[in-house]
C-alpha cells in the first residue's frame, strides 16, 4: 500500500473512530467548519461542484453560484458527519432521522412480492435512508459499492454498510447483476445510486438540457425480473430530519427493443432525479464530471 493510500485509510478510520464519539451539535459544527475551509480553498472538487450547479441553475449569477457551492459543501460534510456517526446511532435515532413522502409506492410494491428497485441520485444522505429502511421498515436490501483504493478503505465501507443492515456487492467483477436479479426474483429490495455511470455501457440521457450518461442497470433489472422501478430523491432542510420522496414507478414500455426500452426508462429516471435536484441543488453532492461535454473524450467515461 502506498503512503497516500495509507494516509487516506487512516483519515477515514479517524473519522469513524473519533467523529462518532462527538456530541451531535459538536459534530455538526465540525462539519460546517471543514466545509467552509474547503470552500474557501476553491479546490478542484469545489470548482466542479459549482460548475455542475451552473447547469442545474443556468440563470444563477456568480454570487448565487458561490452561495450554492458553499451550501453544497456544508450539505456534503453533513452527509459525512452523519455517516461517521451512523454506526453509533440508536435505532430510535435512525428512525427519527428520516421522513419519506409517498412511501406507499415502496410498501405496496414489496407487498406485491415481485421485488422493488430503488434508484437514487447523490442527494443528501442515501446511507441514512438505507439504514432507515432496514430499521424503521424492517426491510433488508442489497446494494452495490464501487471498489475504492486502497482495498482496506473499500473494506471499511463494506463493513460500515453491512453494519447498517445492507448486503453490499462489489461493482466490479461481473457477478453483481446476477445476484441482484436473484434477490429481486425472490421478492427482495435492491437500492442503487444511479446518477453517474461507472461503466462503458451507460445510457445517454438528456439532463438539464445537455447529454449525460447514467447506468443501464436499474432499467435492465426491471425488464429482466419484473421488479418495480422507483426513483427516490432526498433533501435536507433546517431540521435534523432528512426528507425524501418515493416517486411513481417507471414503467417498462410495451414495445421496442431491449435497448430502446432501457433508454426510455433511464431517461424517466433522469427526469425524476432532475426534479429533486432542481428543488434542492445544494444537496446534490456531485463533485465529479458528469456531462459528456465536460469529460475527456479520450476516456469516454466519468
C-alpha atoms as a PDB file:
ATOM      1  CA  UNK A   1       0.000   0.000   0.000  1.00  0.00           C
ATOM      2  CA  UNK A   2       1.351   3.428  -0.956  1.00  0.00           C
ATOM      3  CA  UNK A   3       1.892   6.174   1.592  1.00  0.00           C
ATOM      4  CA  UNK A   4      -1.019   8.122   0.073  1.00  0.00           C
ATOM      5  CA  UNK A   5      -3.319   5.105   0.401  1.00  0.00           C
ATOM      6  CA  UNK A   6      -2.223   4.575   3.992  1.00  0.00           C
ATOM      7  CA  UNK A   7      -2.960   8.225   4.775  1.00  0.00           C
ATOM      8  CA  UNK A   8      -6.389   8.045   3.122  1.00  0.00           C
ATOM      9  CA  UNK A   9      -7.319   4.905   5.027  1.00  0.00           C
ATOM     10  CA  UNK A  10      -6.048   6.391   8.298  1.00  0.00           C
ATOM     11  CA  UNK A  11      -8.092   9.581   7.838  1.00  0.00           C
ATOM     12  CA  UNK A  12     -11.305   7.653   7.224  1.00  0.00           C
ATOM     13  CA  UNK A  13     -10.508   5.448  10.187  1.00  0.00           C
ATOM     14  CA  UNK A  14     -10.029   8.565  12.298  1.00  0.00           C
ATOM     15  CA  UNK A  15     -13.390   9.858  11.151  1.00  0.00           C
ATOM     16  CA  UNK A  16     -15.270   6.700  12.080  1.00  0.00           C
ATOM     17  CA  UNK A  17     -13.341   6.317  15.306  1.00  0.00           C
ATOM     18  CA  UNK A  18     -13.486   9.913  16.538  1.00  0.00           C
ATOM     19  CA  UNK A  19     -16.427  11.768  14.997  1.00  0.00           C
ATOM     20  CA  UNK A  20     -18.963   9.171  16.107  1.00  0.00           C
ATOM     21  CA  UNK A  21     -17.952   9.851  19.721  1.00  0.00           C
ATOM     22  CA  UNK A  22     -18.657  13.577  19.482  1.00  0.00           C
ATOM     23  CA  UNK A  23     -21.939  15.067  20.710  1.00  0.00           C
ATOM     24  CA  UNK A  24     -24.187  15.670  17.730  1.00  0.00           C
ATOM     25  CA  UNK A  25     -24.033  19.514  17.892  1.00  0.00           C
ATOM     26  CA  UNK A  26     -20.240  19.367  18.035  1.00  0.00           C
ATOM     27  CA  UNK A  27     -20.101  17.047  15.024  1.00  0.00           C
ATOM     28  CA  UNK A  28     -22.404  19.379  13.099  1.00  0.00           C
ATOM     29  CA  UNK A  29     -20.222  22.391  13.896  1.00  0.00           C
ATOM     30  CA  UNK A  30     -17.097  20.492  12.893  1.00  0.00           C
ATOM     31  CA  UNK A  31     -18.690  19.563   9.584  1.00  0.00           C
ATOM     32  CA  UNK A  32     -19.623  23.172   8.817  1.00  0.00           C
ATOM     33  CA  UNK A  33     -16.121  24.356   9.735  1.00  0.00           C
ATOM     34  CA  UNK A  34     -14.435  21.812   7.443  1.00  0.00           C
ATOM     35  CA  UNK A  35     -16.911  22.598   4.667  1.00  0.00           C
ATOM     36  CA  UNK A  36     -16.256  26.331   4.859  1.00  0.00           C
ATOM     37  CA  UNK A  37     -12.483  25.822   4.855  1.00  0.00           C
ATOM     38  CA  UNK A  38     -12.689  23.557   1.797  1.00  0.00           C
ATOM     39  CA  UNK A  39     -14.992  26.007   0.052  1.00  0.00           C
ATOM     40  CA  UNK A  40     -12.636  28.929   0.663  1.00  0.00           C
ATOM     41  CA  UNK A  41      -9.698  26.964  -0.774  1.00  0.00           C
ATOM     42  CA  UNK A  42     -11.539  26.571  -4.103  1.00  0.00           C
ATOM     43  CA  UNK A  43     -10.079  23.169  -4.892  1.00  0.00           C
ATOM     44  CA  UNK A  44     -10.984  21.111  -7.947  1.00  0.00           C
ATOM     45  CA  UNK A  45     -13.920  19.432  -6.221  1.00  0.00           C
ATOM     46  CA  UNK A  46     -15.471  22.753  -5.210  1.00  0.00           C
ATOM     47  CA  UNK A  47     -14.937  24.194  -8.689  1.00  0.00           C
ATOM     48  CA  UNK A  48     -16.541  21.145 -10.268  1.00  0.00           C
ATOM     49  CA  UNK A  49     -19.462  21.309  -7.849  1.00  0.00           C
ATOM     50  CA  UNK A  50     -20.035  24.939  -8.798  1.00  0.00           C
ATOM     51  CA  UNK A  51     -19.742  24.128 -12.491  1.00  0.00           C
ATOM     52  CA  UNK A  52     -22.361  21.387 -12.122  1.00  0.00           C
ATOM     53  CA  UNK A  53     -24.658  23.747 -10.235  1.00  0.00           C
ATOM     54  CA  UNK A  54     -24.325  26.214 -13.118  1.00  0.00           C
ATOM     55  CA  UNK A  55     -26.049  23.627 -15.339  1.00  0.00           C
ATOM     56  CA  UNK A  56     -28.775  22.981 -12.785  1.00  0.00           C
ATOM     57  CA  UNK A  57     -29.416  26.696 -12.210  1.00  0.00           C
ATOM     58  CA  UNK A  58     -28.402  28.232 -15.558  1.00  0.00           C
ATOM     59  CA  UNK A  59     -29.621  31.739 -14.733  1.00  0.00           C
ATOM     60  CA  UNK A  60     -27.687  31.920 -11.458  1.00  0.00           C
ATOM     61  CA  UNK A  61     -25.309  34.840 -11.011  1.00  0.00           C
ATOM     62  CA  UNK A  62     -21.700  34.207  -9.928  1.00  0.00           C
ATOM     63  CA  UNK A  63     -22.704  35.309  -6.421  1.00  0.00           C
ATOM     64  CA  UNK A  64     -25.618  32.850  -6.389  1.00  0.00           C
ATOM     65  CA  UNK A  65     -23.357  30.028  -7.604  1.00  0.00           C
ATOM     66  CA  UNK A  66     -20.876  30.817  -4.841  1.00  0.00           C
ATOM     67  CA  UNK A  67     -23.694  30.663  -2.286  1.00  0.00           C
ATOM     68  CA  UNK A  68     -24.849  27.354  -3.740  1.00  0.00           C
ATOM     69  CA  UNK A  69     -21.394  25.806  -3.693  1.00  0.00           C
ATOM     70  CA  UNK A  70     -20.868  26.861  -0.082  1.00  0.00           C
ATOM     71  CA  UNK A  71     -24.235  25.376   0.886  1.00  0.00           C
ATOM     72  CA  UNK A  72     -23.366  22.315  -1.189  1.00  0.00           C
ATOM     73  CA  UNK A  73     -20.129  21.753   0.705  1.00  0.00           C
ATOM     74  CA  UNK A  74     -21.957  22.126   4.013  1.00  0.00           C
ATOM     75  CA  UNK A  75     -24.516  19.579   2.848  1.00  0.00           C
ATOM     76  CA  UNK A  76     -21.736  17.249   1.701  1.00  0.00           C
ATOM     77  CA  UNK A  77     -19.965  17.465   5.067  1.00  0.00           C
ATOM     78  CA  UNK A  78     -23.270  16.937   6.861  1.00  0.00           C
ATOM     79  CA  UNK A  79     -23.502  13.684   4.911  1.00  0.00           C
ATOM     80  CA  UNK A  80     -20.021  12.665   6.096  1.00  0.00           C
ATOM     81  CA  UNK A  81     -20.578  13.678   9.723  1.00  0.00           C
ATOM     82  CA  UNK A  82     -23.838  11.704   9.779  1.00  0.00           C
ATOM     83  CA  UNK A  83     -22.224   8.727   8.075  1.00  0.00           C
ATOM     84  CA  UNK A  84     -19.339   8.630  10.542  1.00  0.00           C
ATOM     85  CA  UNK A  85     -21.855   8.732  13.389  1.00  0.00           C
ATOM     86  CA  UNK A  86     -24.498   6.383  11.994  1.00  0.00           C
ATOM     87  CA  UNK A  87     -22.944   3.187  13.433  1.00  0.00           C
ATOM     88  CA  UNK A  88     -23.293   4.722  16.902  1.00  0.00           C
ATOM     89  CA  UNK A  89     -26.879   5.923  16.431  1.00  0.00           C
ATOM     90  CA  UNK A  90     -29.623   4.045  18.232  1.00  0.00           C
ATOM     91  CA  UNK A  91     -32.463   2.512  16.224  1.00  0.00           C
ATOM     92  CA  UNK A  92     -34.697   5.227  17.615  1.00  0.00           C
ATOM     93  CA  UNK A  93     -32.365   7.974  16.368  1.00  0.00           C
ATOM     94  CA  UNK A  94     -32.206   6.431  12.903  1.00  0.00           C
ATOM     95  CA  UNK A  95     -35.974   6.023  12.758  1.00  0.00           C
ATOM     96  CA  UNK A  96     -36.468   9.656  13.769  1.00  0.00           C
ATOM     97  CA  UNK A  97     -33.831  10.931  11.358  1.00  0.00           C
ATOM     98  CA  UNK A  98     -35.730  10.483   8.103  1.00  0.00           C
ATOM     99  CA  UNK A  99     -39.214  11.203   6.808  1.00  0.00           C
ATOM    100  CA  UNK A 100     -40.450   9.937   3.439  1.00  0.00           C
ATOM    101  CA  UNK A 101     -43.306  11.121   1.241  1.00  0.00           C
ATOM    102  CA  UNK A 102     -45.332   8.723  -0.920  1.00  0.00           C
ATOM    103  CA  UNK A 103     -43.856   5.707   0.833  1.00  0.00           C
ATOM    104  CA  UNK A 104     -46.832   3.647  -0.330  1.00  0.00           C
ATOM    105  CA  UNK A 105     -45.114   3.111  -3.679  1.00  0.00           C
ATOM    106  CA  UNK A 106     -42.434   1.116  -1.856  1.00  0.00           C
ATOM    107  CA  UNK A 107     -44.603  -0.710   0.692  1.00  0.00           C
ATOM    108  CA  UNK A 108     -47.229  -1.707  -1.865  1.00  0.00           C
ATOM    109  CA  UNK A 109     -44.504  -2.811  -4.272  1.00  0.00           C
ATOM    110  CA  UNK A 110     -42.914  -5.011  -1.622  1.00  0.00           C
ATOM    111  CA  UNK A 111     -46.307  -6.454  -0.677  1.00  0.00           C
ATOM    112  CA  UNK A 112     -46.852  -7.473  -4.313  1.00  0.00           C
ATOM    113  CA  UNK A 113     -43.866  -9.828  -3.962  1.00  0.00           C
ATOM    114  CA  UNK A 114     -42.235  -9.063  -7.324  1.00  0.00           C
ATOM    115  CA  UNK A 115     -39.268  -7.181  -5.951  1.00  0.00           C
ATOM    116  CA  UNK A 116     -38.527  -3.454  -5.904  1.00  0.00           C
ATOM    117  CA  UNK A 117     -35.593  -1.400  -7.211  1.00  0.00           C
ATOM    118  CA  UNK A 118     -34.981   1.979  -5.586  1.00  0.00           C
ATOM    119  CA  UNK A 119     -32.803   4.252  -7.757  1.00  0.00           C
ATOM    120  CA  UNK A 120     -31.316   7.388  -6.192  1.00  0.00           C
ATOM    121  CA  UNK A 121     -29.031  10.247  -7.221  1.00  0.00           C
ATOM    122  CA  UNK A 122     -26.219  11.544  -4.989  1.00  0.00           C
ATOM    123  CA  UNK A 123     -28.635  13.648  -2.956  1.00  0.00           C
ATOM    124  CA  UNK A 124     -28.326  14.232   0.813  1.00  0.00           C
ATOM    125  CA  UNK A 125     -27.560  11.002   2.735  1.00  0.00           C
ATOM    126  CA  UNK A 126     -28.518   7.788   0.960  1.00  0.00           C
ATOM    127  CA  UNK A 127     -26.829   5.739   3.709  1.00  0.00           C
ATOM    128  CA  UNK A 128     -29.193   7.208   6.301  1.00  0.00           C
ATOM    129  CA  UNK A 129     -32.157   6.475   4.039  1.00  0.00           C
ATOM    130  CA  UNK A 130     -30.942   2.893   3.723  1.00  0.00           C
ATOM    131  CA  UNK A 131     -30.465   2.497   7.466  1.00  0.00           C
ATOM    132  CA  UNK A 132     -33.988   3.853   7.959  1.00  0.00           C
ATOM    133  CA  UNK A 133     -35.385   1.256   5.546  1.00  0.00           C
ATOM    134  CA  UNK A 134     -33.707  -1.587   7.433  1.00  0.00           C
ATOM    135  CA  UNK A 135     -34.638  -0.327  10.927  1.00  0.00           C
ATOM    136  CA  UNK A 136     -37.963   1.525  10.540  1.00  0.00           C
ATOM    137  CA  UNK A 137     -39.471  -0.667   7.831  1.00  0.00           C
ATOM    138  CA  UNK A 138     -37.563  -3.809   8.749  1.00  0.00           C
ATOM    139  CA  UNK A 139     -36.738  -4.491   5.086  1.00  0.00           C
ATOM    140  CA  UNK A 140     -33.228  -5.756   4.280  1.00  0.00           C
ATOM    141  CA  UNK A 141     -31.840  -4.843   0.888  1.00  0.00           C
ATOM    142  CA  UNK A 142     -28.931  -5.385  -1.467  1.00  0.00           C
ATOM    143  CA  UNK A 143     -26.783  -2.646  -2.944  1.00  0.00           C
ATOM    144  CA  UNK A 144     -23.579  -2.209  -4.944  1.00  0.00           C
ATOM    145  CA  UNK A 145     -20.439  -0.309  -3.919  1.00  0.00           C
ATOM    146  CA  UNK A 146     -17.700   0.994  -6.174  1.00  0.00           C
ATOM    147  CA  UNK A 147     -14.359  -0.586  -5.356  1.00  0.00           C
ATOM    148  CA  UNK A 148     -12.175   2.021  -3.681  1.00  0.00           C
ATOM    149  CA  UNK A 149      -8.442   2.286  -3.268  1.00  0.00           C
ATOM    150  CA  UNK A 150      -6.856   1.285  -1.027  1.00  0.00           C
ATOM    151  CA  UNK A 151      -8.627  -2.056  -0.609  1.00  0.00           C
ATOM    152  CA  UNK A 152      -8.700  -1.526   3.160  1.00  0.00           C
ATOM    153  CA  UNK A 153     -10.832   1.593   2.604  1.00  0.00           C
ATOM    154  CA  UNK A 154     -13.292  -0.387   0.486  1.00  0.00           C
ATOM    155  CA  UNK A 155     -13.421  -2.981   3.267  1.00  0.00           C
ATOM    156  CA  UNK A 156     -14.230  -0.220   5.766  1.00  0.00           C
ATOM    157  CA  UNK A 157     -17.152   0.974   3.644  1.00  0.00           C
ATOM    158  CA  UNK A 158     -18.483  -2.550   3.176  1.00  0.00           C
ATOM    159  CA  UNK A 159     -18.277  -3.269   6.906  1.00  0.00           C
ATOM    160  CA  UNK A 160     -19.911   0.077   7.669  1.00  0.00           C
ATOM    161  CA  UNK A 161     -22.866  -0.520   5.341  1.00  0.00           C
ATOM    162  CA  UNK A 162     -23.251  -4.154   6.337  1.00  0.00           C
ATOM    163  CA  UNK A 163     -23.366  -2.951   9.941  1.00  0.00           C
ATOM    164  CA  UNK A 164     -26.383  -0.839   8.944  1.00  0.00           C
ATOM    165  CA  UNK A 165     -28.191  -3.920   7.625  1.00  0.00           C
ATOM    166  CA  UNK A 166     -27.263  -3.800   3.933  1.00  0.00           C
ATOM    167  CA  UNK A 167     -25.928  -6.583   1.710  1.00  0.00           C
ATOM    168  CA  UNK A 168     -23.094  -4.988  -0.287  1.00  0.00           C
ATOM    169  CA  UNK A 169     -21.812  -6.322  -3.612  1.00  0.00           C
ATOM    170  CA  UNK A 170     -18.689  -5.042  -5.402  1.00  0.00           C
ATOM    171  CA  UNK A 171     -19.363  -3.009  -8.526  1.00  0.00           C
ATOM    172  CA  UNK A 172     -16.578  -4.737 -10.442  1.00  0.00           C
ATOM    173  CA  UNK A 173     -16.237  -8.442 -11.089  1.00  0.00           C
ATOM    174  CA  UNK A 174     -19.285  -9.026 -13.259  1.00  0.00           C
ATOM    175  CA  UNK A 175     -21.342 -11.041 -10.744  1.00  0.00           C
ATOM    176  CA  UNK A 176     -23.343  -8.220  -9.148  1.00  0.00           C
ATOM    177  CA  UNK A 177     -26.081  -8.094 -11.802  1.00  0.00           C
ATOM    178  CA  UNK A 178     -26.897 -11.784 -11.477  1.00  0.00           C
ATOM    179  CA  UNK A 179     -27.051 -11.599  -7.689  1.00  0.00           C
ATOM    180  CA  UNK A 180     -29.269  -8.514  -7.820  1.00  0.00           C
ATOM    181  CA  UNK A 181     -31.605 -10.258 -10.258  1.00  0.00           C
ATOM    182  CA  UNK A 182     -31.891 -13.281  -7.947  1.00  0.00           C
ATOM    183  CA  UNK A 183     -32.709 -11.057  -4.969  1.00  0.00           C
ATOM    184  CA  UNK A 184     -35.447  -9.333  -6.966  1.00  0.00           C
ATOM    185  CA  UNK A 185     -36.950 -12.594  -8.232  1.00  0.00           C
ATOM    186  CA  UNK A 186     -37.147 -13.678  -4.605  1.00  0.00           C
ATOM    187  CA  UNK A 187     -39.249 -10.576  -3.894  1.00  0.00           C
ATOM    188  CA  UNK A 188     -36.388  -8.594  -2.341  1.00  0.00           C
ATOM    189  CA  UNK A 189     -35.347  -4.958  -2.363  1.00  0.00           C
ATOM    190  CA  UNK A 190     -32.396  -3.524  -4.303  1.00  0.00           C
ATOM    191  CA  UNK A 191     -31.128   0.058  -3.814  1.00  0.00           C
ATOM    192  CA  UNK A 192     -28.804   1.665  -6.367  1.00  0.00           C
ATOM    193  CA  UNK A 193     -27.229   5.121  -6.602  1.00  0.00           C
ATOM    194  CA  UNK A 194     -27.778   5.723 -10.298  1.00  0.00           C
ATOM    195  CA  UNK A 195     -26.980   9.241 -11.486  1.00  0.00           C
ATOM    196  CA  UNK A 196     -23.385   8.639 -12.596  1.00  0.00           C
ATOM    197  CA  UNK A 197     -22.210   5.891 -14.915  1.00  0.00           C
ATOM    198  CA  UNK A 198     -19.228   3.851 -13.736  1.00  0.00           C
ATOM    199  CA  UNK A 199     -19.034   1.553 -16.749  1.00  0.00           C
ATOM    200  CA  UNK A 200     -18.635   1.733 -20.503  1.00  0.00           C
ATOM    201  CA  UNK A 201     -22.247   0.623 -21.020  1.00  0.00           C
ATOM    202  CA  UNK A 202     -24.116   3.648 -19.695  1.00  0.00           C
ATOM    203  CA  UNK A 203     -27.192   5.136 -21.323  1.00  0.00           C
ATOM    204  CA  UNK A 204     -27.104   8.656 -22.730  1.00  0.00           C
ATOM    205  CA  UNK A 205     -29.849  10.881 -21.322  1.00  0.00           C
ATOM    206  CA  UNK A 206     -30.900  14.494 -21.564  1.00  0.00           C
ATOM    207  CA  UNK A 207     -30.126  16.016 -18.179  1.00  0.00           C
ATOM    208  CA  UNK A 208     -30.695  19.706 -17.558  1.00  0.00           C
ATOM    209  CA  UNK A 209     -30.518  20.397 -21.278  1.00  0.00           C
ATOM    210  CA  UNK A 210     -27.334  18.530 -22.136  1.00  0.00           C
ATOM    211  CA  UNK A 211     -26.236  14.921 -22.575  1.00  0.00           C
ATOM    212  CA  UNK A 212     -25.045  12.837 -19.636  1.00  0.00           C
ATOM    213  CA  UNK A 213     -24.541   9.113 -19.169  1.00  0.00           C
ATOM    214  CA  UNK A 214     -26.345   7.095 -16.494  1.00  0.00           C
ATOM    215  CA  UNK A 215     -26.270   3.392 -15.587  1.00  0.00           C
ATOM    216  CA  UNK A 216     -28.417   0.953 -17.546  1.00  0.00           C
ATOM    217  CA  UNK A 217     -28.604  -1.472 -14.602  1.00  0.00           C
ATOM    218  CA  UNK A 218     -31.846  -0.314 -12.926  1.00  0.00           C
ATOM    219  CA  UNK A 219     -33.834  -0.420 -16.171  1.00  0.00           C
ATOM    220  CA  UNK A 220     -32.322  -3.742 -17.256  1.00  0.00           C
ATOM    221  CA  UNK A 221     -33.050  -5.333 -13.882  1.00  0.00           C
ATOM    222  CA  UNK A 222     -36.667  -4.167 -14.021  1.00  0.00           C
ATOM    223  CA  UNK A 223     -37.101  -5.604 -17.510  1.00  0.00           C
ATOM    224  CA  UNK A 224     -35.438  -8.902 -16.721  1.00  0.00           C
ATOM    225  CA  UNK A 225     -37.110  -9.594 -13.372  1.00  0.00           C
ATOM    226  CA  UNK A 226     -40.448  -7.771 -13.492  1.00  0.00           C
ATOM    227  CA  UNK A 227     -39.471  -5.787 -10.383  1.00  0.00           C
ATOM    228  CA  UNK A 228     -40.929  -2.337  -9.733  1.00  0.00           C
ATOM    229  CA  UNK A 229     -38.516   0.525 -10.514  1.00  0.00           C
ATOM    230  CA  UNK A 230     -38.950   3.529  -8.203  1.00  0.00           C
ATOM    231  CA  UNK A 231     -36.915   6.766  -8.319  1.00  0.00           C
ATOM    232  CA  UNK A 232     -36.176   8.303  -4.909  1.00  0.00           C
ATOM    233  CA  UNK A 233     -34.965  11.828  -4.156  1.00  0.00           C
ATOM    234  CA  UNK A 234     -33.693  13.134  -0.813  1.00  0.00           C
ATOM    235  CA  UNK A 235     -33.023  16.538   0.701  1.00  0.00           C
ATOM    236  CA  UNK A 236     -32.128  18.358   3.879  1.00  0.00           C
ATOM    237  CA  UNK A 237     -33.964  21.252   5.482  1.00  0.00           C
ATOM    238  CA  UNK A 238     -33.129  23.311   8.560  1.00  0.00           C
ATOM    239  CA  UNK A 239     -34.101  20.485  10.923  1.00  0.00           C
ATOM    240  CA  UNK A 240     -32.085  17.416  11.998  1.00  0.00           C
ATOM    241  CA  UNK A 241     -34.522  15.286   9.958  1.00  0.00           C
ATOM    242  CA  UNK A 242     -33.708  14.397   6.353  1.00  0.00           C
ATOM    243  CA  UNK A 243     -36.632  14.371   3.923  1.00  0.00           C
ATOM    244  CA  UNK A 244     -37.323  12.189   0.922  1.00  0.00           C
ATOM    245  CA  UNK A 245     -39.841  11.275  -1.737  1.00  0.00           C
ATOM    246  CA  UNK A 246     -40.577   7.976  -3.454  1.00  0.00           C
ATOM    247  CA  UNK A 247     -41.607   8.845  -6.998  1.00  0.00           C
ATOM    248  CA  UNK A 248     -44.196   6.906  -9.046  1.00  0.00           C
ATOM    249  CA  UNK A 249     -42.964   3.739 -10.787  1.00  0.00           C
ATOM    250  CA  UNK A 250     -41.019   3.889 -14.027  1.00  0.00           C
ATOM    251  CA  UNK A 251     -42.985   1.644 -16.354  1.00  0.00           C
ATOM    252  CA  UNK A 252     -41.446  -0.789 -18.843  1.00  0.00           C
ATOM    253  CA  UNK A 253     -42.514   0.336 -22.361  1.00  0.00           C
ATOM    254  CA  UNK A 254     -44.884  -2.039 -24.096  1.00  0.00           C
ATOM    255  CA  UNK A 255     -42.893  -2.127 -27.331  1.00  0.00           C
ATOM    256  CA  UNK A 256     -39.381  -1.655 -28.631  1.00  0.00           C
ATOM    257  CA  UNK A 257     -36.069  -3.466 -28.371  1.00  0.00           C
ATOM    258  CA  UNK A 258     -34.396  -4.004 -25.022  1.00  0.00           C
ATOM    259  CA  UNK A 259     -32.009  -1.144 -25.764  1.00  0.00           C
ATOM    260  CA  UNK A 260     -34.893   1.168 -26.702  1.00  0.00           C
ATOM    261  CA  UNK A 261     -36.821   0.284 -23.540  1.00  0.00           C
ATOM    262  CA  UNK A 262     -33.705   0.806 -21.440  1.00  0.00           C
ATOM    263  CA  UNK A 263     -33.163   4.229 -22.990  1.00  0.00           C
ATOM    264  CA  UNK A 264     -36.755   5.340 -22.290  1.00  0.00           C
ATOM    265  CA  UNK A 265     -36.688   4.064 -18.711  1.00  0.00           C
ATOM    266  CA  UNK A 266     -33.294   5.582 -17.896  1.00  0.00           C
ATOM    267  CA  UNK A 267     -34.479   8.920 -19.275  1.00  0.00           C
ATOM    268  CA  UNK A 268     -37.509   8.685 -16.971  1.00  0.00           C
ATOM    269  CA  UNK A 269     -35.150   8.128 -14.032  1.00  0.00           C
ATOM    270  CA  UNK A 270     -33.047  11.106 -15.101  1.00  0.00           C
ATOM    271  CA  UNK A 271     -36.171  13.277 -15.276  1.00  0.00           C
ATOM    272  CA  UNK A 272     -37.216  12.259 -11.746  1.00  0.00           C
ATOM    273  CA  UNK A 273     -33.693  12.908 -10.461  1.00  0.00           C
ATOM    274  CA  UNK A 274     -33.689  16.316 -12.154  1.00  0.00           C
ATOM    275  CA  UNK A 275     -36.919  17.249 -10.384  1.00  0.00           C
ATOM    276  CA  UNK A 276     -35.401  16.552  -6.967  1.00  0.00           C
ATOM    277  CA  UNK A 277     -32.053  18.164  -7.805  1.00  0.00           C
ATOM    278  CA  UNK A 278     -33.684  21.313  -9.188  1.00  0.00           C
ATOM    279  CA  UNK A 279     -35.704  21.677  -5.984  1.00  0.00           C
ATOM    280  CA  UNK A 280     -32.652  21.183  -3.745  1.00  0.00           C
ATOM    281  CA  UNK A 281     -29.484  21.728  -5.813  1.00  0.00           C
ATOM    282  CA  UNK A 282     -27.307  22.352  -2.745  1.00  0.00           C
ATOM    283  CA  UNK A 283     -27.936  18.766  -1.581  1.00  0.00           C
ATOM    284  CA  UNK A 284     -26.632  17.207  -4.810  1.00  0.00           C
ATOM    285  CA  UNK A 285     -23.119  16.045  -3.987  1.00  0.00           C
ATOM    286  CA  UNK A 286     -21.722  15.764  -7.499  1.00  0.00           C
ATOM    287  CA  UNK A 287     -18.082  16.814  -7.222  1.00  0.00           C
ATOM    288  CA  UNK A 288     -17.120  14.900 -10.376  1.00  0.00           C
ATOM    289  CA  UNK A 289     -17.583  15.474 -14.088  1.00  0.00           C
ATOM    290  CA  UNK A 290     -20.934  14.157 -15.295  1.00  0.00           C
ATOM    291  CA  UNK A 291     -21.962  15.653 -18.627  1.00  0.00           C
ATOM    292  CA  UNK A 292     -20.295  14.290 -21.751  1.00  0.00           C
ATOM    293  CA  UNK A 293     -19.236  17.789 -22.773  1.00  0.00           C
ATOM    294  CA  UNK A 294     -17.188  18.013 -19.565  1.00  0.00           C
ATOM    295  CA  UNK A 295     -15.492  14.639 -19.946  1.00  0.00           C
ATOM    296  CA  UNK A 296     -12.181  13.844 -21.543  1.00  0.00           C
ATOM    297  CA  UNK A 297     -13.312  12.469 -24.946  1.00  0.00           C
ATOM    298  CA  UNK A 298     -10.376  10.055 -24.999  1.00  0.00           C
ATOM    299  CA  UNK A 299     -11.557   8.419 -21.791  1.00  0.00           C
ATOM    300  CA  UNK A 300     -15.224   8.362 -22.759  1.00  0.00           C
ATOM    301  CA  UNK A 301     -16.432   7.908 -19.188  1.00  0.00           C
ATOM    302  CA  UNK A 302     -16.625   9.871 -15.932  1.00  0.00           C
END
